[in-house]
Protein backbone atom coordinates (compact mmCIF):
# COMPACT_ATOMS: atom_id res chain seq x y z
CA UNK A 1 118.50 -13.36 -10.01
CA UNK A 2 117.79 -16.08 -7.44
CA UNK A 3 114.82 -18.41 -7.86
CA UNK A 4 112.94 -17.03 -4.83
CA UNK A 5 113.42 -13.41 -5.96
CA UNK A 6 112.40 -14.21 -9.55
CA UNK A 7 109.23 -15.90 -8.37
CA UNK A 8 108.40 -13.03 -6.07
CA UNK A 9 108.78 -10.35 -8.77
CA UNK A 10 106.83 -12.44 -11.28
CA UNK A 11 104.00 -12.61 -8.78
CA UNK A 12 104.29 -8.88 -8.19
CA UNK A 13 104.02 -8.16 -11.92
CA UNK A 14 100.73 -10.00 -12.26
CA UNK A 15 98.54 -7.30 -10.64
CA UNK A 16 100.33 -4.64 -12.73
CA UNK A 17 99.52 -6.55 -15.91
CA UNK A 18 95.88 -6.84 -14.81
CA UNK A 19 95.64 -3.08 -14.37
CA UNK A 20 97.14 -2.40 -17.82
CA UNK A 21 94.73 -4.81 -19.52
CA UNK A 22 91.68 -3.45 -17.72
CA UNK A 23 92.72 0.13 -18.43
CA UNK A 24 93.22 -0.61 -22.15
CA UNK A 25 89.87 -2.35 -22.44
CA UNK A 26 88.23 0.58 -20.65
CA UNK A 27 89.57 3.00 -23.27
CA UNK A 28 88.38 0.75 -26.08
CA UNK A 29 84.83 0.34 -24.89
CA UNK A 30 84.46 3.97 -23.82
CA UNK A 31 85.49 5.24 -27.23
CA UNK A 32 83.53 2.53 -29.02
CA UNK A 33 80.36 3.30 -27.17
CA UNK A 34 80.47 6.83 -28.52
CA UNK A 35 80.14 5.49 -32.06
CA UNK A 36 83.79 5.59 -33.15
CA UNK A 37 84.77 3.44 -36.07
CA UNK A 38 86.40 0.20 -34.94
CA UNK A 39 88.20 -2.54 -36.79
CA UNK A 40 86.15 -5.69 -37.27
CA UNK A 41 88.16 -7.98 -34.96
CA UNK A 42 87.33 -5.65 -32.05
CA UNK A 43 83.67 -5.18 -32.99
CA UNK A 44 82.43 -8.04 -30.82
CA UNK A 45 84.51 -6.85 -27.85
CA UNK A 46 83.09 -3.38 -28.47
CA UNK A 47 79.47 -4.65 -28.26
CA UNK A 48 80.26 -6.78 -25.21
CA UNK A 49 81.67 -3.90 -23.20
CA UNK A 50 78.86 -1.51 -24.15
CA UNK A 51 76.60 -3.38 -21.73
CA UNK A 52 76.18 -1.56 -18.39
CA UNK A 53 76.62 -4.62 -16.07
CA UNK A 54 79.93 -5.39 -17.72
CA UNK A 55 81.13 -1.83 -17.27
CA UNK A 56 80.30 -2.04 -13.57
CA UNK A 57 82.10 -5.35 -13.24
CA UNK A 58 85.19 -3.96 -14.96
CA UNK A 59 85.35 -0.97 -12.63
CA UNK A 60 85.12 -3.27 -9.56
CA UNK A 61 87.88 -5.47 -10.93
CA UNK A 62 90.07 -2.42 -11.48
CA UNK A 63 89.40 -1.21 -7.90
CA UNK A 64 90.18 -4.57 -6.27
CA UNK A 65 93.32 -5.12 -8.33
CA UNK A 66 94.66 -1.69 -7.36
CA UNK A 67 93.86 -2.38 -3.70
CA UNK A 68 95.63 -5.75 -3.77
CA UNK A 69 98.72 -4.04 -5.16
CA UNK A 70 98.74 -1.55 -2.27
CA UNK A 71 98.41 -4.31 0.36
CA UNK A 72 101.06 -6.38 -1.37
CA UNK A 73 103.46 -3.46 -1.35
CA UNK A 74 102.85 -2.82 2.38
CA UNK A 75 103.47 -6.51 3.12
CA UNK A 76 106.82 -6.43 1.29
CA UNK A 77 107.88 -3.28 3.13
CA UNK A 78 106.84 -4.88 6.45
CA UNK A 79 109.15 -7.83 5.94
CA UNK A 80 112.04 -6.04 4.29
CA UNK A 81 115.44 -6.25 6.00
CA UNK A 82 115.46 -2.48 6.47
CA UNK A 83 112.13 -2.41 8.33
CA UNK A 84 111.72 -1.22 11.92
CA UNK A 85 111.90 -4.79 13.24
CA UNK A 86 115.59 -4.73 12.39
CA UNK A 87 115.94 -8.49 11.79
CA UNK A 88 119.16 -9.43 9.99
CA UNK A 89 117.74 -12.00 7.60
CA UNK A 90 119.27 -13.08 4.28
CA UNK A 91 117.94 -12.12 0.86
CA UNK A 92 116.74 -15.65 0.20
CA UNK A 93 114.61 -15.71 3.35
CA UNK A 94 113.09 -12.32 2.53
CA UNK A 95 112.32 -13.31 -1.05
CA UNK A 96 110.80 -16.61 0.04
CA UNK A 97 108.51 -14.87 2.54
CA UNK A 98 107.53 -12.28 -0.10
CA UNK A 99 106.58 -15.06 -2.47
CA UNK A 100 104.70 -16.89 0.24
CA UNK A 101 102.71 -13.81 1.23
CA UNK A 102 101.86 -13.02 -2.38
CA UNK A 103 100.59 -16.55 -2.91
CA UNK A 104 98.40 -16.23 0.17
CA UNK A 105 97.00 -13.00 -1.18
CA UNK A 106 95.88 -14.55 -4.46
CA UNK A 107 94.53 -17.71 -2.88
CA UNK A 108 92.77 -16.49 0.23
CA UNK A 109 92.13 -12.80 -0.27
CA UNK A 110 92.90 -9.62 1.59
CA UNK A 111 91.30 -10.53 4.93
CA UNK A 112 93.47 -13.59 5.46
CA UNK A 113 96.55 -11.67 4.34
CA UNK A 114 95.90 -9.14 7.09
CA UNK A 115 95.63 -11.91 9.68
CA UNK A 116 98.94 -13.38 8.53
CA UNK A 117 100.63 -10.01 9.17
CA UNK A 118 99.10 -9.80 12.65
CA UNK A 119 100.21 -13.30 13.61
CA UNK A 120 103.80 -12.71 12.55
CA UNK A 121 103.97 -9.50 14.55
CA UNK A 122 102.37 -11.02 17.67
CA UNK A 123 104.54 -11.08 20.77
CA UNK A 124 105.41 -14.48 22.19
CA UNK A 125 103.76 -14.68 25.60
CA UNK A 126 101.35 -16.57 27.80
CA UNK A 127 103.28 -19.74 27.17
CA UNK A 128 100.92 -22.69 26.94
CA UNK A 129 102.52 -25.98 26.22
CA UNK A 130 101.04 -28.91 24.40
CA UNK A 131 102.37 -32.35 23.47
CA UNK A 132 104.76 -32.63 20.51
CA UNK A 133 102.29 -34.41 18.26
CA UNK A 134 103.58 -35.90 15.04
CA UNK A 135 107.30 -35.23 15.31
CA UNK A 136 107.74 -35.76 11.59
CA UNK A 137 106.11 -32.36 11.07
CA UNK A 138 108.88 -30.55 12.95
CA UNK A 139 111.20 -28.44 10.83
CA UNK A 140 114.82 -27.47 11.21
CA UNK A 141 115.66 -23.78 10.95
CA UNK A 142 119.09 -22.26 11.62
CA UNK A 143 120.32 -25.55 13.11
CA UNK A 144 117.61 -25.77 15.85
CA UNK A 145 114.52 -27.97 16.13
CA UNK A 146 111.23 -26.16 16.39
CA UNK A 147 107.85 -27.63 17.20
CA UNK A 148 105.15 -27.84 14.56
CA UNK A 149 102.21 -25.47 14.40
CA UNK A 150 100.24 -27.20 17.17
CA UNK A 151 101.25 -24.29 19.39
CA UNK A 152 102.18 -21.00 17.73
CA UNK A 153 103.18 -19.52 21.09
CA UNK A 154 106.29 -21.73 20.96
CA UNK A 155 107.47 -20.50 17.56
CA UNK A 156 111.15 -19.61 17.76
CA UNK A 157 111.77 -21.44 21.06
CA UNK A 158 113.76 -24.65 21.34
CA UNK A 159 112.73 -27.80 23.20
CA UNK A 160 114.70 -26.86 26.32
CA UNK A 161 112.61 -23.72 26.73
CA UNK A 162 109.47 -25.85 26.80
CA UNK A 163 110.52 -27.39 30.11
CA UNK A 164 111.20 -24.01 31.72
CA UNK A 165 107.63 -22.69 31.40
CA UNK A 166 104.53 -23.01 33.53
CA UNK A 167 103.61 -26.47 32.25
CA UNK A 168 105.42 -29.45 30.75
CA UNK A 169 103.69 -32.16 28.74
CA UNK A 170 104.06 -35.58 30.41
CA UNK A 171 102.21 -37.88 28.02
CA UNK A 172 98.96 -39.63 27.13
CA UNK A 173 97.49 -41.73 29.95
CA UNK A 174 94.66 -44.22 30.37
CA UNK A 175 91.72 -42.90 32.40
CA UNK A 176 88.99 -45.01 34.02
CA UNK A 177 85.68 -43.49 35.07
CA UNK A 178 85.64 -45.78 38.11
CA UNK A 179 89.25 -45.07 39.10
CA UNK A 180 90.55 -41.76 37.81
CA UNK A 181 94.16 -41.19 36.85
CA UNK A 182 93.99 -37.71 38.46
CA UNK A 183 91.80 -37.62 41.55
CA UNK A 184 91.62 -33.96 42.43
CA UNK A 185 88.97 -31.48 41.38
CA UNK A 186 87.51 -31.60 37.88
CA UNK A 187 85.35 -29.41 35.66
CA UNK A 188 83.92 -29.60 32.16
CA UNK A 189 83.25 -27.17 29.35
CA UNK A 190 81.98 -28.78 26.15
CA UNK A 191 82.26 -25.54 24.21
CA UNK A 192 85.27 -23.45 25.32
CA UNK A 193 87.83 -25.75 26.93
CA UNK A 194 91.47 -24.82 26.26
CA UNK A 195 94.86 -26.03 27.48
CA UNK A 196 95.56 -22.81 29.33
CA UNK A 197 92.17 -22.74 31.05
CA UNK A 198 92.62 -26.24 32.45
CA UNK A 199 96.24 -25.65 33.47
CA UNK A 200 95.38 -22.32 35.08
CA UNK A 201 92.47 -23.73 37.10
CA UNK A 202 94.55 -26.62 38.42
CA UNK A 203 97.50 -24.34 39.21
CA UNK A 204 95.29 -21.90 41.13
CA UNK A 205 94.20 -24.76 43.39
CA UNK A 206 97.76 -25.87 44.07
CA UNK A 207 97.73 -29.08 42.03
CA UNK A 208 100.87 -30.51 40.46
CA UNK A 209 99.22 -32.08 37.38
CA UNK A 210 96.50 -31.04 34.91
CA UNK A 211 94.91 -33.47 32.46
CA UNK A 212 92.50 -32.96 29.57
CA UNK A 213 90.14 -35.59 28.24
CA UNK A 214 87.49 -35.90 25.54
CA UNK A 215 88.34 -32.40 24.28
CA UNK A 216 86.36 -30.73 27.05
CA UNK A 217 87.07 -32.29 30.46
CA UNK A 218 89.75 -31.05 32.88
CA UNK A 219 91.12 -33.11 35.78
CA UNK A 220 93.61 -32.05 38.45
CA UNK A 221 95.73 -34.10 40.83
CA UNK A 222 98.90 -34.38 42.87
CA UNK A 223 100.01 -37.66 41.32
CA UNK A 224 99.22 -39.79 38.26
CA UNK A 225 97.62 -43.11 39.14
CA UNK A 226 97.42 -44.82 35.75
CA UNK A 227 99.62 -46.17 32.98
CA UNK A 228 100.64 -44.14 29.97
CA UNK A 229 99.71 -45.18 26.46
CA UNK A 230 100.33 -44.34 22.81
CA UNK A 231 100.28 -40.66 21.83
CA UNK A 232 97.96 -41.49 18.94
CA UNK A 233 95.15 -42.26 21.40
CA UNK A 234 95.07 -38.65 22.63
CA UNK A 235 93.62 -37.40 19.36
CA UNK A 236 90.66 -35.11 20.16
CA UNK A 237 90.89 -31.38 19.54
CA UNK A 238 90.17 -28.97 22.38
CA UNK A 239 86.66 -27.55 22.12
CA UNK A 240 87.95 -24.03 22.60
CA UNK A 241 91.06 -24.17 20.37
CA UNK A 242 91.31 -26.36 17.30
CA UNK A 243 95.10 -26.20 17.08
CA UNK A 244 95.65 -28.19 20.30
CA UNK A 245 94.66 -31.69 21.36
CA UNK A 246 92.91 -32.39 24.66
CA UNK A 247 93.13 -36.12 25.27
CA UNK A 248 90.72 -38.63 23.81
CA UNK A 249 88.00 -41.09 24.80
CA UNK A 250 89.07 -42.29 28.28
CA UNK A 251 92.50 -40.85 27.56
CA UNK A 252 94.18 -37.93 29.36
CA UNK A 253 96.75 -35.50 28.00
CA UNK A 254 98.64 -34.73 31.22
CA UNK A 255 100.86 -31.73 32.04
CA UNK A 256 103.07 -31.12 35.04
CA UNK A 257 102.48 -27.62 36.40
CA UNK A 258 105.97 -26.43 37.23
CA UNK A 259 104.89 -23.31 39.11
CA UNK A 260 102.34 -25.11 41.28
CA UNK A 261 104.81 -27.27 43.19
CA UNK A 262 105.72 -24.54 45.63
CA UNK A 263 102.12 -23.40 46.14
CA UNK A 264 101.00 -26.99 46.71
CA UNK A 265 103.09 -27.01 49.91
CA UNK A 266 101.07 -24.23 51.50
CA UNK A 267 98.10 -25.06 53.69
CA UNK A 268 96.58 -21.67 52.87
CA UNK A 269 94.63 -23.36 50.08
CA UNK A 270 93.17 -25.89 52.57
CA UNK A 271 89.87 -25.05 54.28
CA UNK A 272 89.61 -24.95 58.06
CA UNK A 273 86.62 -27.10 59.09
CA UNK A 274 86.79 -26.63 62.86
CA UNK A 275 87.42 -28.40 66.13
CA UNK A 276 85.83 -31.85 66.60
CA UNK A 277 85.71 -34.47 69.33
CA UNK A 278 87.66 -37.67 68.82
CA UNK A 279 85.45 -40.27 67.00
CA UNK A 280 84.67 -43.52 68.79
CA UNK A 281 86.58 -45.69 66.33
CA UNK A 282 89.50 -43.60 65.14
CA UNK A 283 91.21 -46.31 63.09
CA UNK A 284 88.01 -46.92 61.09
CA UNK A 285 87.04 -43.27 60.76
CA UNK A 286 90.53 -42.05 59.81
CA UNK A 287 92.40 -45.08 58.46
CA UNK A 288 95.78 -43.45 57.85
CA UNK A 289 97.87 -41.82 60.59
CA UNK A 290 101.50 -40.98 61.30
CA UNK A 291 103.55 -39.26 63.98
CA UNK A 292 105.27 -36.13 62.65
CA UNK A 293 108.21 -34.52 64.39
CA UNK A 294 107.79 -30.76 64.87
CA UNK A 295 104.17 -31.00 63.77
CA UNK A 296 102.64 -28.08 61.90
CA UNK A 297 99.47 -27.58 59.89
CA UNK A 298 101.26 -27.48 56.55
CA UNK A 299 103.08 -30.76 57.24
CA UNK A 300 99.83 -32.60 58.00
CA UNK A 301 97.95 -31.04 55.09
CA UNK A 302 100.81 -31.88 52.76
CA UNK A 303 100.95 -35.50 53.92
CA UNK A 304 97.20 -36.06 53.49
CA UNK A 305 97.23 -34.29 50.13
CA UNK A 306 99.99 -36.62 48.91
CA UNK A 307 97.83 -39.58 49.94
CA UNK A 308 94.82 -38.18 48.04
CA UNK A 309 92.66 -37.76 51.18
CA UNK A 310 90.22 -34.89 51.62
CA UNK A 311 90.64 -34.49 55.39
CA UNK A 312 93.83 -33.56 57.25
CA UNK A 313 93.30 -34.06 61.00
CA UNK A 314 95.77 -32.84 63.60
CA UNK A 315 95.87 -34.57 67.02
CA UNK A 316 98.93 -33.32 68.87
CA UNK A 317 101.96 -34.84 67.19
CA UNK A 318 99.82 -37.20 65.11
CA UNK A 319 98.41 -36.50 61.66
CA UNK A 320 95.39 -38.51 60.49
CA UNK A 321 93.95 -38.60 56.97
CA UNK A 322 90.63 -39.78 55.59
CA UNK A 323 87.20 -38.82 54.23
CA UNK A 324 84.02 -37.67 55.98
CA UNK A 325 82.03 -40.80 56.93
CA UNK A 326 79.10 -41.59 59.25
CA UNK A 327 81.78 -42.35 61.87
CA UNK A 328 83.25 -38.85 61.46
CA UNK A 329 80.67 -36.67 59.66
CA UNK A 330 81.93 -33.25 60.85
CA UNK A 331 78.44 -32.23 61.96
CA UNK A 332 79.00 -31.68 65.67
CA UNK A 333 81.57 -28.91 65.89
CA UNK A 334 83.10 -28.12 69.28
CA UNK A 335 84.28 -24.78 70.66
CA UNK A 336 87.63 -23.88 69.15
CA UNK A 337 89.08 -23.21 72.61
CA UNK A 338 89.14 -26.98 73.20
CA UNK A 339 91.66 -27.40 70.37
CA UNK A 340 94.03 -24.59 71.36
CA UNK A 341 97.17 -26.67 71.82
CA UNK A 342 100.26 -25.22 70.20
CA UNK A 343 101.93 -27.11 67.36
CA UNK A 344 105.51 -28.16 68.12
CA UNK A 345 106.75 -26.87 64.79
CA UNK A 346 104.79 -23.59 64.67
CA UNK A 347 104.27 -21.32 67.65
CA UNK A 348 101.09 -19.65 66.42
CA UNK A 349 99.23 -22.73 65.10
CA UNK A 350 96.87 -25.07 66.93
CA UNK A 351 97.31 -28.82 66.53
CA UNK A 352 94.69 -30.17 68.94
CA UNK A 353 95.32 -33.16 71.21
CA UNK A 354 94.25 -36.77 71.73
CA UNK A 355 90.64 -35.82 72.53
CA UNK A 356 89.94 -32.81 70.31
CA UNK A 357 91.03 -32.76 66.69
CA UNK A 358 91.74 -29.80 64.40
CA UNK A 359 90.36 -30.58 60.92
CA UNK A 360 91.26 -29.11 57.54
CA UNK A 361 89.79 -29.97 54.14
CA UNK A 362 92.52 -30.42 51.54
CA UNK A 363 92.28 -29.60 47.87
CA UNK A 364 91.81 -33.28 46.98
CA UNK A 365 88.43 -33.92 45.40
CA UNK A 366 86.19 -36.51 47.02
CA UNK A 367 85.28 -38.77 44.09
CA UNK A 368 82.74 -40.88 45.97
CA UNK A 369 79.91 -38.76 44.55
CA UNK A 370 81.29 -37.73 41.17
CA UNK A 371 79.92 -40.57 39.01
CA UNK A 372 76.69 -39.60 37.25
CA UNK A 373 74.64 -41.29 34.56
CA UNK A 374 71.13 -41.54 33.17
CA UNK A 375 68.51 -43.74 34.82
CA UNK A 376 69.02 -47.43 33.91
CA UNK A 377 65.30 -47.79 33.10
CA UNK A 378 62.94 -45.07 32.00
CA UNK A 379 60.98 -43.61 34.90
CA UNK A 380 57.18 -43.82 34.78
CA UNK A 381 56.87 -40.75 36.99
CA UNK A 382 57.94 -37.21 36.16
CA UNK A 383 59.38 -35.23 39.08
CA UNK A 384 59.70 -31.47 38.72
CA UNK A 385 62.37 -29.33 40.33
CA UNK A 386 60.48 -26.07 40.24
CA UNK A 387 61.43 -22.59 41.34
CA UNK A 388 61.13 -18.95 40.55
CA UNK A 389 64.20 -17.87 38.49
CA UNK A 390 67.08 -16.92 40.77
CA UNK A 391 65.92 -19.18 43.61
CA UNK A 392 68.79 -21.68 43.33
CA UNK A 393 67.43 -24.22 40.84
CA UNK A 394 70.78 -24.83 39.11
CA UNK A 395 72.55 -25.21 42.46
CA UNK A 396 69.89 -27.68 43.61
CA UNK A 397 70.39 -29.69 40.40
CA UNK A 398 74.11 -29.90 41.14
CA UNK A 399 73.41 -31.18 44.66
CA UNK A 400 70.82 -33.73 43.52
CA UNK A 401 73.09 -35.11 40.79
CA UNK A 402 75.96 -35.62 43.24
CA UNK A 403 73.71 -37.06 45.95
CA UNK A 404 71.89 -39.54 43.67
CA UNK A 405 74.39 -40.25 40.89
CA UNK A 406 71.73 -39.51 38.25
CA UNK A 407 71.45 -36.64 35.79
CA UNK A 408 68.72 -34.04 36.10
CA UNK A 409 66.78 -32.78 33.08
CA UNK A 410 65.22 -29.52 32.01
CA UNK A 411 61.96 -28.23 30.59
CA UNK A 412 64.15 -25.93 28.49
CA UNK A 413 67.52 -26.28 26.78
CA UNK A 414 70.39 -24.16 28.07
CA UNK A 415 73.55 -24.73 26.06
CA UNK A 416 75.79 -23.12 28.70
CA UNK A 417 74.51 -25.55 31.34
CA UNK A 418 75.03 -28.51 29.03
CA UNK A 419 78.57 -27.36 28.29
CA UNK A 420 79.27 -27.21 32.02
CA UNK A 421 78.36 -30.86 32.56
CA UNK A 422 74.57 -30.99 32.97
CA UNK A 423 74.23 -33.66 30.31
CA UNK A 424 70.53 -34.19 30.94
CA UNK A 425 69.93 -30.69 29.63
CA UNK A 426 69.82 -31.99 26.05
CA UNK A 427 67.27 -34.75 26.74
CA UNK A 428 63.59 -34.08 26.12
CA UNK A 429 61.96 -33.43 29.46
CA UNK A 430 59.57 -36.36 28.96
CA UNK A 431 62.33 -38.84 28.10
CA UNK A 432 62.18 -40.48 31.54
CA UNK A 433 65.98 -40.80 31.65
CA UNK A 434 66.57 -38.09 34.28
CA UNK A 435 65.77 -38.06 37.98
CA UNK A 436 63.91 -34.72 37.96
CA UNK A 437 63.14 -31.86 35.57
CA UNK A 438 64.07 -28.22 36.05
CA UNK A 439 61.17 -25.85 35.36
CA UNK A 440 60.10 -22.29 36.11
CA UNK A 441 56.59 -22.79 34.72
CA UNK A 442 53.61 -21.98 36.92
CA UNK A 443 50.45 -22.46 34.85
CA UNK A 444 47.94 -25.16 35.78
CA UNK A 445 48.45 -27.15 32.57
CA UNK A 446 52.24 -27.10 32.95
CA UNK A 447 52.12 -28.09 36.63
CA UNK A 448 49.69 -30.96 36.11
CA UNK A 449 52.05 -32.44 33.49
CA UNK A 450 54.22 -33.61 36.42
CA UNK A 451 53.39 -36.37 38.88
CA UNK A 452 55.21 -34.64 41.75
CA UNK A 453 57.57 -31.78 42.35
CA UNK A 454 60.20 -30.28 44.62
CA UNK A 455 59.34 -26.59 45.07
CA UNK A 456 62.32 -24.31 45.78
CA UNK A 457 61.47 -21.00 47.51
CA UNK A 458 63.93 -18.19 48.20
CA UNK A 459 63.79 -14.78 49.83
CA UNK A 460 62.30 -12.63 47.03
CA UNK A 461 64.70 -9.76 47.75
CA UNK A 462 67.67 -12.06 47.07
CA UNK A 463 65.96 -14.04 44.30
CA UNK A 464 65.05 -10.92 42.32
CA UNK A 465 68.60 -9.57 42.53
CA UNK A 466 70.07 -12.96 41.55
CA UNK A 467 67.80 -13.25 38.51
CA UNK A 468 68.52 -9.65 37.51
CA UNK A 469 72.26 -10.44 37.64
CA UNK A 470 71.72 -13.58 35.56
CA UNK A 471 69.58 -11.74 33.02
CA UNK A 472 72.17 -9.03 32.44
CA UNK A 473 75.40 -10.78 33.46
CA UNK A 474 75.01 -14.51 32.79
CA UNK A 475 74.82 -17.49 35.14
CA UNK A 476 77.73 -16.41 37.34
CA UNK A 477 78.12 -12.78 36.27
CA UNK A 478 76.70 -9.50 37.49
CA UNK A 479 74.55 -6.76 36.03
CA UNK A 480 76.34 -3.45 35.48
CA UNK A 481 75.75 -0.31 37.53
CA UNK A 482 74.07 1.20 34.49
CA UNK A 483 71.44 -1.55 34.57
CA UNK A 484 70.82 -1.17 38.30
CA UNK A 485 70.46 2.59 38.08
CA UNK A 486 68.63 2.66 34.76
CA UNK A 487 65.03 1.93 33.89
CA UNK A 488 65.70 -1.85 33.64
CA UNK A 489 65.66 -2.53 37.40
CA UNK A 490 62.32 -0.82 38.31
CA UNK A 491 60.65 -2.44 35.29
CA UNK A 492 62.11 -5.81 36.27
CA UNK A 493 60.82 -5.62 39.85
CA UNK A 494 57.40 -4.50 38.66
CA UNK A 495 57.04 -7.54 36.36
CA UNK A 496 58.91 -10.24 38.27
CA UNK A 497 57.93 -9.66 41.92
CA UNK A 498 54.28 -10.76 41.38
CA UNK A 499 55.58 -13.83 39.52
CA UNK A 500 57.60 -14.82 42.61
CA UNK A 501 54.35 -15.12 44.59
CA UNK A 502 52.12 -16.57 41.84
CA UNK A 503 54.68 -19.30 41.10
CA UNK A 504 54.50 -20.67 44.66
CA UNK A 505 50.73 -20.20 44.94
CA UNK A 506 50.10 -22.10 41.68
CA UNK A 507 52.27 -25.05 42.70
CA UNK A 508 50.60 -25.26 46.10
CA UNK A 509 47.19 -25.22 44.41
CA UNK A 510 47.71 -27.46 41.36
CA UNK A 511 50.68 -29.66 42.32
CA UNK A 512 49.75 -33.30 42.95
CA UNK A 513 52.55 -33.93 45.46
CA UNK A 514 54.78 -31.05 46.47
CA UNK A 515 57.89 -31.10 48.67
CA UNK A 516 58.83 -27.54 49.71
CA UNK A 517 62.50 -26.66 50.20
CA UNK A 518 63.59 -23.21 51.31
CA UNK A 519 66.86 -22.09 49.77
CA UNK A 520 68.06 -20.57 53.06
CA UNK A 521 67.41 -23.78 55.01
CA UNK A 522 69.17 -25.87 52.36
CA UNK A 523 72.27 -23.71 52.77
CA UNK A 524 72.07 -23.87 56.56
CA UNK A 525 71.41 -27.61 56.91
CA UNK A 526 72.45 -29.18 53.61
CA UNK A 527 72.78 -32.77 54.83
CA UNK A 528 69.25 -33.18 56.24
CA UNK A 529 67.53 -31.03 53.62
CA UNK A 530 69.20 -32.86 50.72
CA UNK A 531 68.46 -36.19 52.37
CA UNK A 532 64.76 -35.29 52.41
CA UNK A 533 64.89 -34.33 48.71
CA UNK A 534 66.49 -37.67 47.77
CA UNK A 535 63.87 -39.59 49.76
CA UNK A 536 61.07 -37.63 48.08
CA UNK A 537 62.49 -38.69 44.70
CA UNK A 538 62.03 -42.32 45.81
CA UNK A 539 65.73 -43.21 46.05
CA UNK A 540 67.75 -44.90 48.74
CA UNK A 541 69.91 -42.44 50.64
CA UNK A 542 73.69 -42.96 50.67
CA UNK A 543 75.11 -41.07 53.65
CA UNK A 544 78.62 -41.30 52.24
CA UNK A 545 77.48 -39.58 49.06
CA UNK A 546 75.74 -36.87 51.08
CA UNK A 547 78.88 -36.29 53.13
CA UNK A 548 80.85 -36.14 49.88
CA UNK A 549 78.42 -33.50 48.54
CA UNK A 550 78.98 -31.34 51.62
CA UNK A 551 82.67 -31.09 50.74
CA UNK A 552 82.03 -29.83 47.19
CA UNK A 553 78.64 -28.24 47.38
CA UNK A 554 79.35 -25.11 45.35
CA UNK A 555 79.75 -26.57 41.84
CA UNK A 556 80.46 -24.51 38.70
CA UNK A 557 77.47 -22.18 38.85
CA UNK A 558 77.75 -20.53 42.25
CA UNK A 559 77.87 -16.75 41.99
CA UNK A 560 80.47 -15.39 44.41
CA UNK A 561 77.88 -13.65 46.60
CA UNK A 562 75.67 -10.80 45.45
CA UNK A 563 77.96 -7.94 44.58
CA UNK A 564 77.59 -5.18 47.10
CA UNK A 565 75.86 -2.13 45.68
CA UNK A 566 76.58 1.37 46.82
CA UNK A 567 72.91 1.82 47.65
CA UNK A 568 69.76 -0.15 48.40
CA UNK A 569 68.18 -0.88 45.00
CA UNK A 570 64.72 -1.32 46.54
CA UNK A 571 62.58 1.79 46.99
CA UNK A 572 60.03 2.15 49.78
CA UNK A 573 57.22 1.41 47.34
CA UNK A 574 58.99 -1.73 46.08
CA UNK A 575 59.49 -3.02 49.63
CA UNK A 576 55.88 -2.42 50.60
CA UNK A 577 54.71 -4.40 47.57
CA UNK A 578 57.18 -7.29 48.09
CA UNK A 579 56.39 -7.53 51.83
CA UNK A 580 52.72 -7.96 50.99
CA UNK A 581 53.61 -10.77 48.57
CA UNK A 582 55.68 -12.48 51.28
CA UNK A 583 52.71 -12.40 53.68
CA UNK A 584 50.49 -13.95 51.02
CA UNK A 585 52.92 -16.81 50.37
CA UNK A 586 53.48 -17.34 54.11
CA UNK A 587 49.73 -17.69 54.70
CA UNK A 588 49.35 -20.12 51.77
CA UNK A 589 52.13 -22.37 53.12
CA UNK A 590 50.59 -22.49 56.59
CA UNK A 591 47.19 -23.26 55.12
CA UNK A 592 48.74 -26.39 53.61
CA UNK A 593 50.08 -27.29 57.09
CA UNK A 594 53.65 -26.49 56.08
CA UNK A 595 56.14 -24.24 57.83
CA UNK A 596 55.90 -20.65 56.69
CA UNK A 597 58.66 -18.60 55.13
CA UNK A 598 61.97 -18.47 57.08
CA UNK A 599 62.34 -15.83 59.76
CA UNK A 600 65.09 -13.92 57.98
CA UNK A 601 62.78 -12.50 55.34
CA UNK A 602 59.43 -12.49 57.06
CA UNK A 603 58.13 -8.88 57.17
CA UNK A 604 58.24 -7.29 60.62
């Protein structure tokens, strides 16, 4: 008998021997406990097994041993050459796997054994590729090299197959916070980041490269603008999957997204910004330009994307690239009819002319407003960013952080917000290291704890629905139809609608200095409204940062519009009550010599 087979059957015999021993002992103590005469050498064993706890323990041992034998037998049958999988493996391979599975059973128990079976039977799919860390751990099976267990999805595939998938590992690269190696969009998740999630997000946006850093940060780009470095420096595990590595400290694990190259050529992913009049100083406003034969939108967008510029501007046969600046802020849009000049390369596209430019926003991220850090010196004043839940507080925090370059804090601690990049969330709200503090509190004591505050107000009909969605669906999710149609919604409106009014009334009454911002007006006129918020916080306004914010205002926590319901969730009684609350808040604002609530939700 071969060594592997001998070892396997020896391991198989062990549970059988256990059963025989336990069964024999059971007979001895059961007969002995009835008073049967026993030989002296077994007298002590007889007394030992007469105790009830020991009997119970013996029965459990017998049960578990029998169960392990059943599972072991099913595992052997699963991997036998005659099984339904039909794999033509040799006897030595089968015996070795039997021995391996039996060892796992005795060391780690039945639960782990079950997981081993599931993994081996799992279909290979969803190919996610990671770097070939530690090549000395690779093994040679049947004459082919296979990667180590850093990626089980690649088991049974050779190195050539790795290059034919959706992503190919390029290497470990240096990354500088002041000058990124990949300068497209970025997002963070300090709890659930995975290789596939980063690659998928970058591929969806048409990028050619995806890079992971610090185990939780994902960066996208169309070209790598940094030097590569030693593989050992990309040594941090992904937060969402411990078997893969996601870069390191200021180090990027970069992948080329094979399937994104074709999609990156399409201008469908670019955003049409409108028709604009030629700026006074074109060469300063749009520093790069080129004449393109047979001009088309996709050619200009592609050229500006390759040059890592956020704006692609078409002016007849010329393509200009740049960023929004005070010289070309994209605030004064012209009628589109003024730009209706056919592109030479595409009959149904408009390319503008020398006086009126057609502008698209590319998928390149504007990094002029992406740097954020804590205040260099602790602030002596505490600024609140206060709102009723669902009134856009998280969105406002995103805007303020980009516009100022400083982190915002929170009166609470929300782990999901921290994991998404709001690093001030973990600081104590009195630390003085953040520019303002998120709060939904409305009591006098809580309000007077702050020296000043920005008060966010939103249409209560929209705010209540947004908070209901957050409560039952998460920050960017939605409540189910069962929640809307059940008892939860009427109870929610009954309790939360009065809070919407009392929150504003309390801040107007007890706040020392209050700057009111209406959510609807912030959406409509972001530049001026955000500029006023920055000035209220006592900071110098950077127009370039504000223009940068306009290009990436949504952030990671924008819900994709309130999901349309099949019916109006508000009853007549609800609306009558909410309208009365709106009138009360409107009157309180005007009493403080402020503008009342916006027209769109003022009761008629």
